[in-house]
Protein backbone atom coordinates (compact mmCIF):
# COMPACT_ATOMS: atom_id res chain seq x y z
CA MET A 1 -0.04 0.32 -0.20
CA VAL A 2 1.25 3.32 -1.06
CA LEU A 3 -0.77 6.45 -0.05
CA SER A 4 0.20 10.11 -1.52
CA GLN A 5 0.86 12.59 0.72
CA ASN A 6 -2.74 14.01 0.54
CA ALA A 7 -4.12 10.73 0.97
CA ALA A 8 -2.23 10.03 3.91
CA PRO A 9 -3.90 10.49 7.98
CA THR A 10 -2.25 13.24 9.64
CA ALA A 11 -2.41 14.17 13.08
CA ASP A 12 -5.68 15.92 13.39
CA ASP A 13 -7.69 12.69 12.04
CA LEU A 14 -5.89 11.04 14.59
CA ALA A 15 -6.62 13.78 17.31
CA LEU A 16 -10.74 13.19 16.26
CA ALA A 17 -10.23 9.85 16.53
CA HIS A 18 -9.99 9.87 20.04
CA ARG A 19 -12.70 12.19 20.55
CA LEU A 20 -14.85 9.41 19.25
CA ALA A 21 -13.52 7.10 21.75
CA ASP A 22 -13.98 9.45 23.84
CA ALA A 23 -17.70 10.40 23.34
CA ALA A 24 -18.50 6.60 22.50
CA GLY A 25 -17.40 5.38 26.64
CA ALA A 26 -19.80 8.31 27.74
CA ALA A 27 -22.51 6.67 25.99
CA ILE A 28 -21.51 2.74 26.89
CA ARG A 29 -20.09 3.54 30.66
CA PRO A 30 -23.56 4.38 32.12
CA LEU A 31 -25.21 1.62 30.65
CA PHE A 32 -22.59 -1.25 31.78
CA ARG A 33 -24.16 -3.45 34.08
CA GLY A 34 -26.95 -1.25 34.47
CA ASP A 35 -30.17 -0.99 33.00
CA TRP A 36 -30.92 -1.64 29.02
CA GLU A 37 -32.74 -2.48 26.69
CA SER A 38 -31.39 -5.45 23.68
CA GLU A 39 -32.96 -7.06 20.55
CA ARG A 40 -31.81 -9.55 17.82
CA LYS A 41 -30.86 -8.00 14.48
CA ALA A 42 -32.19 -9.87 11.73
CA ASP A 43 -28.83 -12.21 10.90
CA LYS A 44 -29.96 -13.02 14.80
CA SER A 45 -27.09 -11.78 16.58
CA PRO A 46 -27.54 -9.08 19.73
CA VAL A 47 -28.01 -4.83 20.13
CA THR A 48 -28.54 -3.42 23.36
CA GLU A 49 -29.09 0.55 23.38
CA ALA A 50 -25.34 0.95 24.21
CA ASP A 51 -24.26 0.36 21.03
CA ARG A 52 -26.59 2.29 19.00
CA ALA A 53 -25.76 5.33 21.64
CA ALA A 54 -22.75 5.00 21.52
CA GLU A 55 -22.21 4.87 17.53
CA ALA A 56 -25.03 7.67 17.02
CA ALA A 57 -22.43 10.09 19.34
CA ILE A 58 -19.43 9.59 16.83
CA ARG A 59 -21.75 9.62 13.53
CA ALA A 60 -23.29 12.71 15.53
CA ILE A 61 -19.34 14.14 15.77
CA LEU A 62 -18.33 13.41 12.19
CA GLU A 63 -21.28 14.55 10.62
CA LYS A 64 -20.50 18.26 11.30
CA GLU A 65 -16.95 17.58 11.27
CA ARG A 66 -15.93 15.46 8.21
CA THR A 67 -19.12 16.01 6.12
CA ASP A 68 -17.62 14.54 3.24
CA ASP A 69 -15.71 11.04 4.55
CA GLY A 70 -18.13 8.37 4.27
CA ILE A 71 -19.42 6.21 7.31
CA LEU A 72 -19.40 2.85 7.78
CA GLY A 73 -20.72 1.59 11.16
CA GLU A 74 -22.28 -1.94 12.02
CA GLU A 75 -25.80 -0.08 13.68
CA TYR A 76 -26.46 2.03 11.09
CA GLY A 77 -24.67 1.77 8.17
CA LEU A 78 -23.07 3.26 5.04
CA THR A 79 -23.17 6.99 3.90
CA ARG A 80 -21.30 8.71 1.27
CA GLU A 81 -20.02 5.82 -0.69
CA THR A 82 -18.17 6.78 -2.67
CA ALA A 83 -16.06 8.85 -0.70
CA GLY A 84 -12.63 7.55 -0.91
CA ARG A 85 -11.80 8.45 2.75
CA ARG A 86 -14.21 6.21 5.21
CA TRP A 87 -14.68 5.87 8.57
CA VAL A 88 -15.10 2.46 9.45
CA LEU A 89 -17.30 1.76 13.22
CA ASP A 90 -17.88 -1.16 15.54
CA PRO A 91 -19.50 0.64 18.56
CA ILE A 92 -19.62 -2.34 21.04
CA ASP A 93 -17.05 -5.35 19.17
CA GLY A 94 -18.07 -7.85 21.90
CA THR A 95 -21.76 -7.07 22.13
CA ILE A 96 -22.06 -10.04 24.13
CA SER A 97 -19.55 -9.44 26.66
CA PHE A 98 -21.09 -5.92 27.13
CA MET A 99 -24.46 -8.05 27.96
CA ALA A 100 -22.64 -10.31 30.53
CA GLY A 101 -20.89 -7.68 32.46
CA ARG A 102 -17.27 -8.71 30.78
CA PRO A 103 -15.09 -5.09 30.85
CA ILE A 104 -13.30 -6.76 27.54
CA PHE A 105 -14.93 -5.59 24.13
CA GLY A 106 -14.27 -2.37 22.39
CA THR A 107 -15.07 0.04 20.58
CA LEU A 108 -13.19 -0.15 17.45
CA ILE A 109 -12.94 2.80 14.75
CA ALA A 110 -11.24 3.08 11.63
CA LEU A 111 -10.15 5.27 8.59
CA MET A 112 -9.67 3.94 5.30
CA GLN A 113 -8.36 5.36 2.44
CA ASP A 114 -9.25 3.86 -1.05
CA GLY A 115 -10.24 0.28 0.21
CA TRP A 116 -7.03 0.53 3.04
CA PRO A 117 -6.96 0.99 6.84
CA VAL A 118 -5.07 3.45 7.52
CA LEU A 119 -5.82 5.06 11.16
CA GLY A 120 -7.55 2.28 14.04
CA VAL A 121 -8.31 3.14 18.10
CA ILE A 122 -9.20 -0.35 19.78
CA ASP A 123 -11.02 1.55 23.02
CA GLN A 124 -11.89 -0.34 26.21
CA PRO A 125 -14.38 2.50 27.51
CA VAL A 126 -14.67 0.81 30.87
CA GLY A 127 -11.08 0.48 31.58
CA ARG A 128 -10.03 3.08 30.24
CA GLU A 129 -7.68 1.02 28.20
CA ARG A 130 -6.50 2.51 24.49
CA TRP A 131 -4.30 1.68 21.26
CA ALA A 132 -4.06 3.71 18.67
CA GLY A 133 -2.17 2.77 15.65
CA MET A 134 -2.19 5.49 12.19
CA VAL A 135 -0.02 4.18 9.25
CA GLY A 136 3.49 5.69 9.28
CA GLU A 137 3.55 6.15 13.26
CA GLY A 138 4.00 3.33 15.97
CA THR A 139 1.31 1.80 18.20
CA THR A 140 0.10 3.57 21.69
CA PHE A 141 -1.18 2.25 24.59
CA ASN A 142 -2.47 4.74 26.81
CA GLY A 143 -0.25 7.29 25.12
CA LYS A 144 2.64 5.10 25.41
CA PRO A 145 4.54 3.29 22.90
CA VAL A 146 3.74 -0.67 22.36
CA THR A 147 5.35 -3.11 20.53
CA THR A 148 4.51 -6.52 20.39
CA ARG A 149 7.65 -9.13 21.37
CA THR A 150 9.54 -12.58 19.45
CA CYS A 151 8.32 -15.22 18.80
CA PRO A 152 10.24 -18.27 18.35
CA THR A 153 8.81 -20.94 17.54
CA LEU A 154 5.16 -22.52 17.12
CA ASP A 155 5.27 -24.15 19.87
CA GLY A 156 5.49 -21.54 22.30
CA ALA A 157 3.07 -19.67 20.98
CA VAL A 158 0.22 -17.89 22.94
CA LEU A 159 -2.80 -17.92 20.94
CA ALA A 160 -6.23 -16.60 21.61
CA THR A 161 -9.66 -16.74 19.17
CA SER A 162 -13.04 -15.27 20.55
CA SER A 163 -15.03 -18.59 20.02
CA PRO A 164 -14.53 -21.56 18.00
CA HIS A 165 -18.13 -21.76 17.50
CA TYR A 166 -17.50 -18.90 15.17
CA PHE A 167 -15.72 -21.29 12.57
CA GLY A 168 -17.48 -23.21 9.88
CA ARG A 169 -16.36 -27.12 9.72
CA GLU A 170 -13.68 -26.47 7.56
CA GLU A 171 -12.87 -22.39 8.93
CA ALA A 172 -12.84 -25.10 12.57
CA ASP A 173 -10.33 -27.55 10.82
CA GLY A 174 -7.84 -25.07 9.90
CA TYR A 175 -7.99 -23.67 12.93
CA MET A 176 -7.25 -26.68 15.23
CA LYS A 177 -4.55 -27.87 13.14
CA LEU A 178 -3.06 -24.26 14.04
CA ALA A 179 -4.62 -24.96 17.87
CA GLY A 180 -2.63 -28.32 17.46
CA ALA A 181 0.98 -27.10 15.98
CA VAL A 182 0.68 -24.60 19.22
CA GLY A 183 0.37 -27.55 22.09
CA GLY A 184 -3.23 -28.49 20.77
CA ASN A 185 -5.08 -30.33 23.46
CA ALA A 186 -1.47 -30.88 25.92
CA ARG A 187 -1.14 -29.27 29.40
CA GLN A 188 1.46 -27.16 28.45
CA ALA A 189 -0.55 -25.34 25.70
CA THR A 190 -1.95 -21.64 26.11
CA ILE A 191 -4.90 -20.84 24.44
CA VAL A 192 -6.49 -18.28 25.18
CA TYR A 193 -10.87 -18.19 24.33
CA GLY A 194 -12.75 -14.98 24.49
CA GLY A 195 -12.19 -11.49 23.96
CA ASP A 196 -13.03 -10.17 20.78
CA CYS A 197 -10.93 -6.84 20.08
CA TYR A 198 -9.20 -7.07 23.19
CA ASN A 199 -7.41 -9.86 21.73
CA TYR A 200 -5.42 -7.75 19.63
CA GLY A 201 -4.68 -4.76 21.76
CA LEU A 202 -2.82 -7.44 23.84
CA LEU A 203 -0.83 -8.93 20.71
CA ALA A 204 -0.19 -5.22 20.61
CA GLY A 205 1.29 -5.06 24.06
CA GLY A 206 3.14 -8.33 23.84
CA HIS A 207 0.96 -10.49 25.66
CA ILE A 208 -0.40 -12.64 22.97
CA ASP A 209 1.60 -14.01 19.29
CA ILE A 210 -1.11 -15.22 17.63
CA VAL A 211 -5.00 -14.58 17.01
CA CYS A 212 -7.38 -16.55 14.86
CA GLU A 213 -10.45 -15.31 13.28
CA ALA A 214 -12.86 -16.22 10.84
CA GLY A 215 -16.26 -14.81 9.76
CA MET A 216 -15.32 -11.14 10.40
CA ALA A 217 -16.79 -8.02 8.67
CA ILE A 218 -15.25 -5.05 7.85
CA TYR A 219 -16.12 -3.12 10.85
CA ASP A 220 -14.21 -6.19 12.84
CA TYR A 221 -11.21 -5.93 11.37
CA ALA A 222 -10.50 -2.34 9.92
CA ALA A 223 -9.29 -0.42 13.06
CA LEU A 224 -6.97 -3.95 13.75
CA VAL A 225 -4.81 -3.56 10.94
CA PRO A 226 -2.95 0.03 11.83
CA VAL A 227 -3.02 -1.12 15.64
CA VAL A 228 -1.26 -4.35 15.65
CA GLU A 229 0.70 -3.32 12.35
CA GLY A 230 2.27 -0.15 13.83
CA ALA A 231 3.17 -2.52 17.17
CA GLY A 232 5.45 -4.41 14.75
CA GLY A 233 2.61 -6.99 14.21
CA THR A 234 0.87 -8.44 11.23
CA MET A 235 -2.34 -8.77 9.71
CA SER A 236 -3.72 -11.10 6.87
CA ASP A 237 -6.23 -13.34 5.98
CA TRP A 238 -6.39 -17.01 6.17
CA GLN A 239 -4.35 -16.87 2.86
CA GLY A 240 -1.32 -14.06 3.53
CA ASN A 241 -2.76 -11.55 1.92
CA PRO A 242 -3.38 -8.48 3.63
CA LEU A 243 -6.02 -7.08 4.83
CA ASP A 244 -8.91 -5.26 3.23
CA ALA A 245 -11.89 -3.49 2.11
CA ASP A 246 -12.24 -7.23 0.02
CA SER A 247 -10.92 -9.42 2.54
CA ASP A 248 -13.14 -12.53 2.89
CA GLY A 249 -13.28 -12.60 6.87
CA THR A 250 -10.75 -14.62 7.82
CA VAL A 251 -7.84 -13.00 10.12
CA LEU A 252 -4.70 -13.72 11.38
CA ALA A 253 -2.39 -11.58 13.13
CA LEU A 254 0.52 -12.69 14.11
CA GLY A 255 2.85 -9.94 16.99
CA ASP A 256 5.74 -12.19 15.29
CA PRO A 257 5.57 -11.53 11.51
CA ALA A 258 8.65 -14.02 11.33
CA ARG A 259 5.80 -16.51 12.06
CA LEU A 260 3.81 -16.65 9.17
CA ASP A 261 4.97 -18.84 7.04
CA ASP A 262 4.65 -21.06 9.92
CA VAL A 263 0.96 -20.09 11.30
CA LEU A 264 -0.17 -20.65 6.84
CA GLU A 265 1.32 -23.63 6.54
CA ALA A 266 0.10 -25.08 10.18
CA MET A 267 -3.16 -24.48 8.92
CA GLY A 268 -3.09 -25.81 5.49
């Protein structure tokens, strides 16, 4: 990916992304472990009033300050679809965790240019933990630089996924092969379940080595890419291709890019 100087994200974009996360957090925190309404969407996934309030808060700012930029949000869809710059929003990634009172969900805010993620924020509003990444800049955690860690071999890696139930049959086979490469069901295996976007922040900070997911929409992964890659990691689909607006929904995040070929071989 090569961006022209005019297309590259700016410090103003990053500052705006932080303000968007602040606004979403202010909408979410009063409802966490409180009284809120929820329903099932057409795809049977849950949505709460916190999801909708957070996205509405973000959109209100963007509609006032970035009238030429497109917006794609999980709850309220797409506006200005022909815009080259597009903000991609998941107000609560991990709605089920929010509903269960588990503070490991997060707000995802991405800026995409011509289909490529160039800026991303992962914000956990209850713990007030925030990872931010932008093309050309290093990733920060609560304002301080963070980096991924090296991973000499797969059998010593910490692997995370939100849930094995999210994999289809063929995807589950690939995941289980990877799980076997890091220890399978052996006692020494280190595999983490649950966490949604929080896992990618932990990977960026050097606490997890691999995250493996499938069935992800663009608003699930767009913000993750600049955060992970700005910390020294890499993200791709299950074929090793970079993630963009046309990716197939399979996602691999590695803290140590040197292990990508090993992971792909293990899953093949």
